Amino acid sequence: MRVVQEILGHSQLSQTERYTHVTRAMSQHAADRMSEALWG
């Protein structure tokens, strides 16, 4: 989150958090894709 905050130029993390809506399904999908990329 801190990297995204810096890229967007937000002074407060709360500003960045408004724009980062991640659902459980999205997190699982990302984890599955990462696992596939790493382990085949």
PDB file of N, CA and C in Angstrom:
ATOM      1  N   MET A   1       0.820  -1.193   0.000  1.00  0.00           N
ATOM      2  CA  MET A   1       0.000   0.000   0.000  1.00  0.00           C
ATOM      3  C   MET A   1       0.864   1.258   0.000  1.00  0.00           C
ATOM      4  N   ARG A   2       1.970   1.195   0.706  1.00  0.00           N
ATOM      5  CA  ARG A   2       2.830   2.386   0.787  1.00  0.00           C
ATOM      6  C   ARG A   2       3.399   2.754  -0.574  1.00  0.00           C
ATOM      7  N   VAL A   3       3.716   1.756  -1.381  1.00  0.00           N
ATOM      8  CA  VAL A   3       4.246   2.041  -2.713  1.00  0.00           C
ATOM      9  C   VAL A   3       3.177   2.714  -3.561  1.00  0.00           C
ATOM     10  N   VAL A   4       1.961   2.191  -3.511  1.00  0.00           N
ATOM     11  CA  VAL A   4       0.852   2.790  -4.264  1.00  0.00           C
ATOM     12  C   VAL A   4       0.596   4.207  -3.764  1.00  0.00           C
ATOM     13  N   GLN A   5       0.637   4.388  -2.455  1.00  0.00           N
ATOM     14  CA  GLN A   5       0.449   5.722  -1.867  1.00  0.00           C
ATOM     15  C   GLN A   5       1.472   6.698  -2.431  1.00  0.00           C
ATOM     16  N   GLU A   6       2.711   6.264  -2.489  1.00  0.00           N
ATOM     17  CA  GLU A   6       3.773   7.133  -3.006  1.00  0.00           C
ATOM     18  C   GLU A   6       3.578   7.431  -4.485  1.00  0.00           C
ATOM     19  N   ILE A   7       3.234   6.405  -5.262  1.00  0.00           N
ATOM     20  CA  ILE A   7       3.019   6.594  -6.705  1.00  0.00           C
ATOM     21  C   ILE A   7       1.892   7.597  -6.955  1.00  0.00           C
ATOM     22  N   LEU A   8       0.816   7.481  -6.172  1.00  0.00           N
ATOM     23  CA  LEU A   8      -0.334   8.369  -6.356  1.00  0.00           C
ATOM     24  C   LEU A   8      -0.126   9.747  -5.738  1.00  0.00           C
ATOM     25  N   GLY A   9       0.900   9.874  -4.918  1.00  0.00           N
ATOM     26  CA  GLY A   9       1.190  11.169  -4.321  1.00  0.00           C
ATOM     27  C   GLY A   9       0.301  11.537  -3.154  1.00  0.00           C
ATOM     28  N   HIS A  10      -0.293  10.544  -2.502  1.00  0.00           N
ATOM     29  CA  HIS A  10      -1.151  10.807  -1.358  1.00  0.00           C
ATOM     30  C   HIS A  10      -0.309  10.997  -0.106  1.00  0.00           C
ATOM     31  N   SER A  11      -0.645  11.994   0.684  1.00  0.00           N
ATOM     32  CA  SER A  11       0.088  12.231   1.920  1.00  0.00           C
ATOM     33  C   SER A  11      -0.398  11.329   3.051  1.00  0.00           C
ATOM     34  N   GLN A  12      -1.643  10.907   2.981  1.00  0.00           N
ATOM     35  CA  GLN A  12      -2.225  10.043   4.013  1.00  0.00           C
ATOM     36  C   GLN A  12      -2.609   8.696   3.413  1.00  0.00           C
ATOM     37  N   LEU A  13      -2.301   7.621   4.135  1.00  0.00           N
ATOM     38  CA  LEU A  13      -2.653   6.285   3.662  1.00  0.00           C
ATOM     39  C   LEU A  13      -4.164   6.143   3.492  1.00  0.00           C
ATOM     40  N   SER A  14      -4.925   6.841   4.316  1.00  0.00           N
ATOM     41  CA  SER A  14      -6.384   6.769   4.226  1.00  0.00           C
ATOM     42  C   SER A  14      -6.877   7.230   2.856  1.00  0.00           C
ATOM     43  N   GLN A  15      -6.174   8.157   2.234  1.00  0.00           N
ATOM     44  CA  GLN A  15      -6.552   8.604   0.887  1.00  0.00           C
ATOM     45  C   GLN A  15      -6.407   7.448  -0.102  1.00  0.00           C
ATOM     46  N   THR A  16      -5.317   6.715  -0.002  1.00  0.00           N
ATOM     47  CA  THR A  16      -5.051   5.603  -0.906  1.00  0.00           C
ATOM     48  C   THR A  16      -6.044   4.478  -0.676  1.00  0.00           C
ATOM     49  N   GLU A  17      -6.376   4.207   0.579  1.00  0.00           N
ATOM     50  CA  GLU A  17      -7.287   3.114   0.908  1.00  0.00           C
ATOM     51  C   GLU A  17      -8.660   3.289   0.279  1.00  0.00           C
ATOM     52  N   ARG A  18      -9.062   4.511   0.021  1.00  0.00           N
ATOM     53  CA  ARG A  18     -10.359   4.756  -0.631  1.00  0.00           C
ATOM     54  C   ARG A  18     -10.431   4.139  -2.023  1.00  0.00           C
ATOM     55  N   TYR A  19      -9.274   4.020  -2.670  1.00  0.00           N
ATOM     56  CA  TYR A  19      -9.238   3.565  -4.047  1.00  0.00           C
ATOM     57  C   TYR A  19      -8.802   2.118  -4.195  1.00  0.00           C
ATOM     58  N   THR A  20      -8.626   1.413  -3.088  1.00  0.00           N
ATOM     59  CA  THR A  20      -8.147   0.033  -3.162  1.00  0.00           C
ATOM     60  C   THR A  20      -9.186  -0.906  -2.572  1.00  0.00           C
ATOM     61  N   HIS A  21     -10.189  -1.212  -3.340  1.00  0.00           N
ATOM     62  CA  HIS A  21     -11.256  -2.107  -2.913  1.00  0.00           C
ATOM     63  C   HIS A  21     -10.951  -3.501  -3.455  1.00  0.00           C
ATOM     64  N   VAL A  22     -10.518  -4.372  -2.568  1.00  0.00           N
ATOM     65  CA  VAL A  22     -10.163  -5.732  -2.964  1.00  0.00           C
ATOM     66  C   VAL A  22     -11.103  -6.685  -2.250  1.00  0.00           C
ATOM     67  N   THR A  23     -11.786  -7.505  -3.026  1.00  0.00           N
ATOM     68  CA  THR A  23     -12.680  -8.488  -2.434  1.00  0.00           C
ATOM     69  C   THR A  23     -11.910  -9.771  -2.159  1.00  0.00           C
ATOM     70  N   ARG A  24     -12.491 -10.631  -1.348  1.00  0.00           N
ATOM     71  CA  ARG A  24     -11.886 -11.924  -1.052  1.00  0.00           C
ATOM     72  C   ARG A  24     -11.703 -12.726  -2.345  1.00  0.00           C
ATOM     73  N   ALA A  25     -12.684 -12.680  -3.222  1.00  0.00           N
ATOM     74  CA  ALA A  25     -12.590 -13.412  -4.494  1.00  0.00           C
ATOM     75  C   ALA A  25     -11.434 -12.885  -5.351  1.00  0.00           C
ATOM     76  N   MET A  26     -11.257 -11.572  -5.372  1.00  0.00           N
ATOM     77  CA  MET A  26     -10.155 -10.990  -6.139  1.00  0.00           C
ATOM     78  C   MET A  26      -8.816 -11.414  -5.551  1.00  0.00           C
ATOM     79  N   SER A  27      -8.710 -11.443  -4.236  1.00  0.00           N
ATOM     80  CA  SER A  27      -7.476 -11.863  -3.577  1.00  0.00           C
ATOM     81  C   SER A  27      -7.168 -13.318  -3.894  1.00  0.00           C
ATOM     82  N   GLN A  28      -8.189 -14.159  -3.845  1.00  0.00           N
ATOM     83  CA  GLN A  28      -7.981 -15.578  -4.130  1.00  0.00           C
ATOM     84  C   GLN A  28      -7.572 -15.794  -5.575  1.00  0.00           C
ATOM     85  N   HIS A  29      -8.183 -15.078  -6.483  1.00  0.00           N
ATOM     86  CA  HIS A  29      -7.843 -15.182  -7.897  1.00  0.00           C
ATOM     87  C   HIS A  29      -6.386 -14.777  -8.127  1.00  0.00           C
ATOM     88  N   ALA A  30      -5.966 -13.694  -7.501  1.00  0.00           N
ATOM     89  CA  ALA A  30      -4.583 -13.240  -7.636  1.00  0.00           C
ATOM     90  C   ALA A  30      -3.619 -14.263  -7.053  1.00  0.00           C
ATOM     91  N   ALA A  31      -3.958 -14.831  -5.904  1.00  0.00           N
ATOM     92  CA  ALA A  31      -3.108 -15.850  -5.284  1.00  0.00           C
ATOM     93  C   ALA A  31      -3.023 -17.087  -6.160  1.00  0.00           C
ATOM     94  N   ASP A  32      -4.133 -17.493  -6.747  1.00  0.00           N
ATOM     95  CA  ASP A  32      -4.140 -18.656  -7.643  1.00  0.00           C
ATOM     96  C   ASP A  32      -3.261 -18.417  -8.866  1.00  0.00           C
ATOM     97  N   ARG A  33      -3.358 -17.243  -9.435  1.00  0.00           N
ATOM     98  CA  ARG A  33      -2.537 -16.921 -10.613  1.00  0.00           C
ATOM     99  C   ARG A  33      -1.052 -16.880 -10.266  1.00  0.00           C
ATOM    100  N   MET A  34      -0.734 -16.321  -9.102  1.00  0.00           N
ATOM    101  CA  MET A  34       0.656 -16.262  -8.664  1.00  0.00           C
ATOM    102  C   MET A  34       1.193 -17.673  -8.441  1.00  0.00           C
ATOM    103  N   SER A  35       0.412 -18.511  -7.811  1.00  0.00           N
ATOM    104  CA  SER A  35       0.817 -19.893  -7.569  1.00  0.00           C
ATOM    105  C   SER A  35       1.056 -20.628  -8.879  1.00  0.00           C
ATOM    106  N   GLU A  36       0.159 -20.447  -9.826  1.00  0.00           N
ATOM    107  CA  GLU A  36       0.315 -21.081 -11.146  1.00  0.00           C
ATOM    108  C   GLU A  36       1.577 -20.584 -11.838  1.00  0.00           C
ATOM    109  N   ALA A  37       1.839 -19.303 -11.758  1.00  0.00           N
ATOM    110  CA  ALA A  37       3.028 -18.735 -12.407  1.00  0.00           C
ATOM    111  C   ALA A  37       4.312 -19.262 -11.761  1.00  0.00           C
ATOM    112  N   LEU A  38       4.294 -19.430 -10.460  1.00  0.00           N
ATOM    113  CA  LEU A  38       5.497 -19.869  -9.753  1.00  0.00           C
ATOM    114  C   LEU A  38       5.711 -21.382  -9.794  1.00  0.00           C
ATOM    115  N   TRP A  39       4.638 -22.120  -9.635  1.00  0.00           N
ATOM    116  CA  TRP A  39       4.768 -23.572  -9.443  1.00  0.00           C
ATOM    117  C   TRP A  39       4.236 -24.395 -10.613  1.00  0.00           C
ATOM    118  N   GLY A  40       3.610 -23.724 -11.583  1.00  0.00           N
ATOM    119  CA  GLY A  40       3.158 -24.457 -12.766  1.00  0.00           C
ATOM    120  C   GLY A  40       1.920 -25.150 -12.629  1.00  0.00           C
TER     121      GLY A  40
END
